[in-house]
Protein backbone atom coordinates (compact mmCIF):
# COMPACT_ATOMS: atom_id res chain seq x y z
CA MET A 1 229.16 -14.32 -6.87
CA PRO A 2 225.92 -14.57 -4.90
CA LEU A 3 222.95 -12.91 -6.64
CA ASP A 4 222.63 -10.04 -4.01
CA VAL A 5 226.20 -9.14 -4.66
CA CYS A 6 225.82 -9.35 -8.39
CA GLY A 7 222.82 -6.98 -8.09
CA ALA A 8 225.10 -4.63 -5.96
CA PHE A 9 227.74 -4.97 -8.75
CA SER A 10 225.37 -4.13 -11.39
CA GLN A 11 223.83 -1.02 -9.45
CA GLY A 12 227.26 0.48 -8.90
CA PHE A 13 228.66 0.14 -12.80
CA ILE A 14 225.27 0.96 -14.46
CA GLY A 15 224.73 4.01 -11.98
CA TYR A 16 228.39 5.24 -12.76
CA MET A 17 227.80 5.28 -16.46
CA ILE A 18 224.25 7.44 -16.12
CA GLN A 19 225.89 9.39 -13.16
CA GLN A 20 228.43 10.51 -15.02
CA ASN A 21 226.42 11.34 -18.37
CA LEU A 22 223.85 13.22 -16.28
CA LYS A 23 226.72 15.29 -14.84
CA ASN A 24 228.52 15.97 -18.03
CA ILE A 25 225.15 16.94 -19.64
CA ILE A 26 223.48 19.02 -17.07
CA GLY A 27 225.92 19.82 -14.53
CA VAL A 28 224.15 19.29 -11.27
CA ASP A 29 224.78 16.91 -8.45
CA VAL A 30 224.17 13.19 -8.93
CA ALA A 31 224.67 10.21 -6.75
CA THR A 32 224.40 6.76 -7.27
CA LEU A 33 223.27 4.72 -4.21
CA ILE A 34 223.46 1.07 -3.91
CA THR A 35 220.35 0.47 -2.25
CA GLN A 36 219.02 -2.53 -0.16
CA VAL A 37 215.15 -3.53 -0.23
CA ALA A 38 213.87 -5.58 2.59
CA VAL A 39 211.25 -8.60 1.87
CA ASP A 40 209.48 -10.79 3.77
CA LYS A 41 210.93 -14.37 4.63
CA GLU A 42 207.45 -15.59 4.42
CA ASP A 43 206.55 -14.42 1.10
CA PRO A 44 205.44 -17.06 -0.98
CA ALA A 45 207.42 -16.38 -3.89
CA PHE A 46 210.15 -18.22 -2.12
CA LYS A 47 208.27 -21.43 -2.53
CA ASN A 48 207.66 -21.07 -5.96
CA PRO A 49 210.69 -19.38 -7.94
CA THR A 50 209.50 -17.85 -11.27
CA LYS A 51 212.15 -15.30 -12.23
CA PRO A 52 214.40 -16.49 -15.18
CA ILE A 53 218.10 -15.24 -14.89
CA GLY A 54 221.38 -15.93 -16.40
CA PRO A 55 222.06 -17.87 -19.58
CA PHE A 56 220.64 -20.89 -21.36
CA TYR A 57 221.73 -24.53 -20.57
CA GLY A 58 221.59 -27.86 -22.23
CA GLU A 59 219.71 -30.62 -20.59
CA ALA A 60 222.69 -31.96 -18.87
CA GLU A 61 223.87 -29.01 -17.27
CA ALA A 62 220.35 -28.34 -16.25
CA GLU A 63 220.06 -31.80 -14.28
CA GLU A 64 223.52 -31.10 -13.03
CA MET A 65 222.02 -27.85 -11.50
CA ARG A 66 219.20 -29.58 -10.16
CA GLY A 67 221.56 -31.75 -8.32
CA LYS A 68 223.02 -28.80 -6.64
CA GLY A 69 219.63 -27.83 -5.11
CA LEU A 70 218.80 -24.88 -7.75
CA SER A 71 215.55 -24.52 -9.43
CA VAL A 72 215.72 -24.68 -13.29
CA ILE A 73 212.96 -24.39 -16.09
CA GLU A 74 212.75 -25.15 -19.79
CA ASP A 75 212.56 -21.60 -21.01
CA SER A 76 210.21 -21.30 -24.30
CA GLY A 77 212.12 -24.00 -26.21
CA ARG A 78 215.30 -22.14 -26.10
CA GLY A 79 216.95 -24.16 -23.51
CA TYR A 80 217.13 -24.32 -19.70
CA ARG A 81 217.25 -21.29 -17.33
CA ARG A 82 217.62 -21.03 -13.51
CA VAL A 83 214.95 -19.55 -11.65
CA VAL A 84 214.63 -17.49 -8.40
CA ALA A 85 212.12 -16.15 -6.27
CA SER A 86 210.86 -12.50 -6.94
CA PRO A 87 209.58 -11.50 -3.75
CA LYS A 88 207.36 -8.23 -3.18
CA PRO A 89 209.52 -5.41 -1.51
CA THR A 90 208.49 -4.34 1.92
CA ARG A 91 210.94 -1.41 2.72
CA ILE A 92 213.52 0.54 0.92
CA LEU A 93 216.37 0.55 3.70
CA GLU A 94 218.14 3.84 2.26
CA ALA A 95 214.71 5.73 1.90
CA ARG A 96 215.87 8.39 4.39
CA ILE A 97 219.16 8.89 2.77
CA ILE A 98 217.64 9.14 -0.64
CA LYS A 99 215.19 11.62 0.55
CA HIS A 100 217.84 13.82 2.32
CA LEU A 101 219.91 13.96 -0.85
CA VAL A 102 216.83 14.99 -3.10
CA GLU A 103 215.66 17.54 -0.68
CA ASN A 104 219.36 18.90 -0.97
CA ASN A 105 219.17 19.32 -4.68
CA VAL A 106 220.86 15.92 -5.52
CA ILE A 107 219.72 13.74 -8.39
CA VAL A 108 219.78 10.16 -7.03
CA ILE A 109 220.10 7.31 -8.94
CA ALA A 110 218.69 4.36 -6.46
CA ALA A 111 217.15 0.78 -6.30
CA GLY A 112 218.44 -0.36 -9.74
CA GLY A 113 217.20 -3.64 -11.34
CA GLY A 114 214.43 -3.68 -8.25
CA GLY A 115 217.49 -3.15 -5.54
CA VAL A 116 219.15 -5.80 -3.53
CA PRO A 117 216.98 -8.07 -1.67
CA VAL A 118 217.99 -8.36 2.02
CA PHE A 119 216.17 -9.90 5.21
CA GLY A 120 216.19 -8.35 8.51
CA ASP A 121 215.91 -4.69 9.79
CA GLY A 122 218.81 -3.69 12.42
CA LYS A 123 221.06 -6.51 10.90
CA THR A 124 220.68 -7.44 7.32
CA GLU A 125 221.59 -10.29 5.13
CA GLY A 126 221.52 -10.50 1.20
CA ILE A 127 219.46 -13.37 -0.32
CA GLU A 128 219.10 -15.14 -3.57
CA ALA A 129 216.10 -13.37 -5.41
CA VAL A 130 215.18 -10.58 -7.79
CA ILE A 131 212.74 -7.80 -6.94
CA ASP A 132 210.32 -6.43 -9.55
CA LYS A 133 211.97 -3.33 -10.40
CA ASP A 134 208.32 -1.45 -11.04
CA LEU A 135 207.10 -2.79 -7.51
CA THR A 136 210.34 -1.48 -6.01
CA ALA A 137 209.94 2.04 -7.88
CA CYS A 138 206.60 2.35 -6.39
CA GLU A 139 207.96 1.81 -2.80
CA LEU A 140 210.57 3.97 -3.14
CA ALA A 141 208.04 6.74 -4.51
CA ILE A 142 205.69 6.06 -1.73
CA GLU A 143 208.44 6.10 1.18
CA THR A 144 210.16 9.21 -0.22
CA GLY A 145 207.02 11.11 -0.62
CA ALA A 146 207.19 11.50 -4.40
CA ASP A 147 204.58 13.59 -6.34
CA ILE A 148 204.57 11.40 -9.23
CA LEU A 149 205.79 8.00 -10.25
CA LEU A 150 206.58 7.83 -13.76
CA ILE A 151 207.51 4.57 -15.46
CA ALA A 152 209.30 4.55 -18.65
CA THR A 153 209.23 1.66 -20.90
CA ASP A 154 209.23 0.97 -24.77
CA VAL A 155 205.58 2.03 -25.81
CA ASP A 156 204.43 5.45 -25.65
CA ASN A 157 201.02 4.53 -23.86
CA VAL A 158 199.29 1.67 -22.14
CA PHE A 159 197.08 -0.07 -24.62
CA LEU A 160 193.77 -2.34 -24.67
CA ASN A 161 193.88 -5.17 -27.07
CA TYR A 162 197.34 -4.39 -27.60
CA ARG A 163 198.24 -7.35 -29.94
CA SER A 164 195.25 -6.70 -31.78
CA GLU A 165 194.53 -4.52 -34.98
CA GLU A 166 191.95 -2.82 -33.03
CA ARG A 167 194.34 -1.64 -30.29
CA ILE A 168 193.25 1.37 -27.99
CA ALA A 169 195.50 3.90 -26.32
CA LEU A 170 194.63 4.82 -23.11
CA ARG A 171 195.38 8.61 -22.42
CA GLU A 172 193.91 9.31 -19.08
CA VAL A 173 192.64 6.69 -16.68
CA HIS A 174 191.23 6.47 -13.31
CA ALA A 175 192.46 3.81 -10.80
CA PRO A 176 189.04 1.78 -10.62
CA GLU A 177 188.73 1.62 -14.49
CA LEU A 178 192.46 0.45 -14.48
CA GLU A 179 191.87 -2.03 -11.90
CA LYS A 180 188.69 -3.70 -13.90
CA TYR A 181 191.05 -3.84 -17.49
CA LEU A 182 193.63 -5.45 -15.35
CA ALA A 183 191.10 -8.17 -13.63
CA GLU A 184 190.07 -8.74 -17.77
CA GLY A 185 193.71 -9.82 -18.49
CA GLN A 186 194.19 -6.80 -20.81
CA PHE A 187 198.04 -6.78 -19.49
CA GLY A 188 200.93 -8.88 -20.37
CA VAL A 189 201.94 -10.87 -17.21
CA GLY A 190 205.75 -10.47 -17.81
CA SER A 191 205.66 -6.93 -19.43
CA MET A 192 202.82 -4.42 -19.00
CA GLU A 193 201.18 -6.24 -15.88
CA PRO A 194 203.75 -5.27 -12.95
CA LYS A 195 203.78 -1.67 -14.20
CA ILE A 196 200.05 -1.57 -13.93
CA TYR A 197 199.90 -3.14 -10.50
CA ALA A 198 202.79 -0.64 -9.24
CA VAL A 199 200.91 2.55 -10.56
CA LEU A 200 197.61 1.32 -9.01
CA GLN A 201 199.45 0.87 -5.71
CA PHE A 202 200.91 4.28 -5.78
CA VAL A 203 197.92 6.02 -6.93
CA ARG A 204 195.71 4.16 -3.90
CA LYS A 205 198.32 4.87 -1.19
CA THR A 206 199.30 8.64 -2.16
CA GLY A 207 196.31 10.00 -3.92
CA ASN A 208 198.88 11.28 -6.34
CA LYS A 209 199.14 10.56 -10.21
CA ALA A 210 201.19 8.20 -12.08
CA ILE A 211 202.21 7.99 -15.86
CA ILE A 212 203.21 5.52 -17.94
CA THR A 213 205.03 6.22 -21.28
CA SER A 214 208.21 5.61 -23.38
CA ASP A 215 211.84 6.79 -22.43
CA LYS A 216 211.59 9.07 -25.32
CA ARG A 217 208.38 10.75 -24.29
CA ILE A 218 209.10 11.49 -20.61
CA MET A 219 208.99 15.53 -21.00
CA GLU A 220 205.96 15.36 -23.05
CA ALA A 221 204.10 13.17 -20.44
CA LEU A 222 205.25 15.32 -17.44
CA GLU A 223 203.83 18.35 -19.63
CA GLY A 224 200.40 16.26 -20.16
CA ARG A 225 200.97 15.95 -23.98
CA ALA A 226 201.92 12.12 -24.11
CA GLY A 227 201.66 8.89 -22.23
CA THR A 228 199.01 7.39 -20.07
CA VAL A 229 198.16 8.99 -16.94
CA ILE A 230 196.72 7.24 -13.90
CA LEU A 231 194.34 9.27 -11.71
CA PRO A 232 192.84 8.15 -8.17
């Protein structure tokens, strides 16, 4: 199946599992929405695919894939993988619908996996790409007027000197200070860095706060007792 169809498929089946469990546990209205996310045809990411997807292949299989016009890279000595573009989101096509549902007390599961990437406004078409999920979450939060952008990850806080014994947990940090740490290369390119870009963009554009914490400490973070809070 084309990659955009794979994205829609995974949004549906993973959303179904989350939706069913939320409904069973807290008994409120929950809806999963297949979410399309517009990207720019001129985004430079299309000329430099970087996002590895799918299984690992041997060298012969990789050469065969290249012969079909697919981009393939060697991945950390583990084999070869296909890579696709990771363009920036420009608009959430279903943002108005999501906001309407939220205003009517429906919990909405949206933009799974970064959303289905599409070109166009009136008439759209899916494309072979994967959008960064943190940047899509930021765009969704901005377009729907969210009070807080909370990104859940696998650590309780954002850390400085993360791989050092002298690592420091950030509890509350203002955007200019966080931008300085980002410029110093404090955050992992494929892990924490996209989250930092996303929260900074949200804070700059809305003047609201953002939070990064682990999935186990979300409620504590919302109450101000855990996580890293990013302020304007």
